[in-house]
Protein backbone atom coordinates (compact mmCIF):
# COMPACT_ATOMS: atom_id res chain seq x y z
CA UNK A 1 67.03 200.19 160.12
CA UNK A 2 64.32 197.52 158.59
CA UNK A 3 61.03 198.66 157.72
CA UNK A 4 58.03 197.40 156.03
CA UNK A 5 55.34 194.85 156.33
CA UNK A 6 55.31 191.36 157.36
CA UNK A 7 55.13 190.20 153.64
CA UNK A 8 58.50 191.76 153.23
CA UNK A 9 60.28 188.58 154.13
CA UNK A 10 60.02 187.70 150.43
CA UNK A 11 61.62 190.95 149.53
CA UNK A 12 64.75 190.13 151.54
CA UNK A 13 65.77 187.88 148.50
CA UNK A 14 64.30 189.50 145.63
CA UNK A 15 64.32 193.25 146.07
CA UNK A 16 67.94 194.64 146.08
CA UNK A 17 67.18 197.32 148.88
CA UNK A 18 65.95 194.71 151.46
CA UNK A 19 68.33 192.00 150.43
CA UNK A 20 71.06 194.26 151.02
CA UNK A 21 69.71 195.69 154.36
CA UNK A 22 69.12 192.08 155.62
CA UNK A 23 72.47 190.82 154.64
CA UNK A 24 74.16 193.85 156.55
CA UNK A 25 71.73 193.21 159.40
CA UNK A 26 72.88 189.44 159.58
CA UNK A 27 76.57 190.38 159.15
CA UNK A 28 76.72 193.08 161.97
CA UNK A 29 74.91 190.46 164.40
CA UNK A 30 77.79 188.23 164.00
CA UNK A 31 80.02 190.44 166.13
CA UNK A 32 77.74 191.98 168.55
CA UNK A 33 78.20 191.38 172.30
CA UNK A 34 75.13 193.55 173.29
CA UNK A 35 72.04 194.03 171.27
CA UNK A 36 69.79 197.06 172.11
CA UNK A 37 66.20 196.67 170.85
CA UNK A 38 64.34 199.87 170.93
CA UNK A 39 60.81 200.28 169.51
CA UNK A 40 60.52 197.04 167.67
CA UNK A 41 57.36 195.15 168.09
CA UNK A 42 58.59 191.76 167.34
CA UNK A 43 56.15 191.29 164.42
CA UNK A 44 58.33 190.75 161.64
CA UNK A 45 58.98 186.82 160.94
CA UNK A 46 62.21 187.30 159.00
CA UNK A 47 63.94 189.49 161.58
CA UNK A 48 62.55 187.26 164.46
CA UNK A 49 64.15 184.25 162.71
CA UNK A 50 67.70 186.16 162.50
CA UNK A 51 67.30 187.15 166.08
CA UNK A 52 66.54 183.59 167.22
CA UNK A 53 69.52 182.26 165.28
CA UNK A 54 71.76 185.00 166.54
CA UNK A 55 70.56 184.33 170.17
CA UNK A 56 71.16 180.60 170.12
CA UNK A 57 74.60 180.74 168.57
CA UNK A 58 76.06 183.49 170.51
CA UNK A 59 77.19 182.44 174.12
CA UNK A 60 77.70 185.64 175.88
CA UNK A 61 75.25 188.00 174.31
CA UNK A 62 73.27 190.39 176.44
CA UNK A 63 70.06 191.67 175.03
CA UNK A 64 68.29 194.85 176.14
CA UNK A 65 64.70 195.78 175.05
CA UNK A 66 63.66 199.33 175.52
CA UNK A 67 59.97 199.89 174.87
CA UNK A 68 56.85 201.32 176.61
CA UNK A 69 55.37 197.69 175.94
CA UNK A 70 56.12 194.63 178.01
CA UNK A 71 57.61 191.92 175.83
CA UNK A 72 58.68 189.51 178.69
CA UNK A 73 55.88 187.30 177.72
CA UNK A 74 56.73 186.62 174.28
CA UNK A 75 60.50 186.70 174.48
CA UNK A 76 61.06 182.96 175.15
CA UNK A 77 59.06 182.15 172.03
CA UNK A 78 60.77 184.81 169.84
CA UNK A 79 64.35 183.63 170.87
CA UNK A 80 63.51 180.03 171.31
CA UNK A 81 62.08 178.49 174.61
CA UNK A 82 64.74 175.71 174.79
CA UNK A 83 67.59 178.12 174.64
CA UNK A 84 65.98 181.20 176.58
CA UNK A 85 68.11 182.52 179.29
CA UNK A 86 66.19 185.22 181.26
CA UNK A 87 69.52 186.34 182.79
CA UNK A 88 70.90 187.52 179.40
CA UNK A 89 67.48 189.50 178.22
CA UNK A 90 66.96 192.72 180.01
CA UNK A 91 63.69 194.81 179.75
CA UNK A 92 63.41 198.53 180.42
CA UNK A 93 59.77 199.52 180.05
CA UNK A 94 60.24 203.23 179.42
CA UNK A 95 60.95 205.51 176.57
CA UNK A 96 64.48 205.65 175.26
CA UNK A 97 64.38 209.40 175.82
CA UNK A 98 64.22 208.83 179.60
CA UNK A 99 66.90 206.26 179.94
CA UNK A 100 70.36 207.66 181.14
CA UNK A 101 73.52 205.90 180.09
CA UNK A 102 74.53 205.09 183.60
CA UNK A 103 71.38 202.69 183.78
CA UNK A 104 72.45 200.95 180.43
CA UNK A 105 75.92 200.49 181.75
CA UNK A 106 74.86 198.74 184.92
CA UNK A 107 72.98 196.59 182.72
CA UNK A 108 75.85 195.38 180.39
CA UNK A 109 78.32 195.15 183.00
C-alpha cells in the first residue's frame, strides 16, 4: 500500500519508508501475471510511471481495475498509447465488496 500526495515522488528516493515501499512495489511487479487495481485514482506520477513500464515490458499481463469511477478514457495515456492493448485491461465499475470471485475468475482465465 502506497499512500501520500503527488509530491511524495521525491520521497521515494530520500525517505526510507517510501523508498523501501517503492522498491518492493517494483520488485513484486516483476513476477505478476494479474494485477488488480482497486480504489486507485491514477493521480500518482511515480506509481503511474512504474505501472507504464511494467505494462509495456510484460507480455501476458492482465490488469483488472475495480472502482466506482470509470477509468477507460485515461488508461491508454497512463499505460502508454502506443502499447495499450484493450484486451489486456478489464474494468469492473463497482465496489469491490459487490464483486464475486467467480466474476474475477472469468476475467483472468
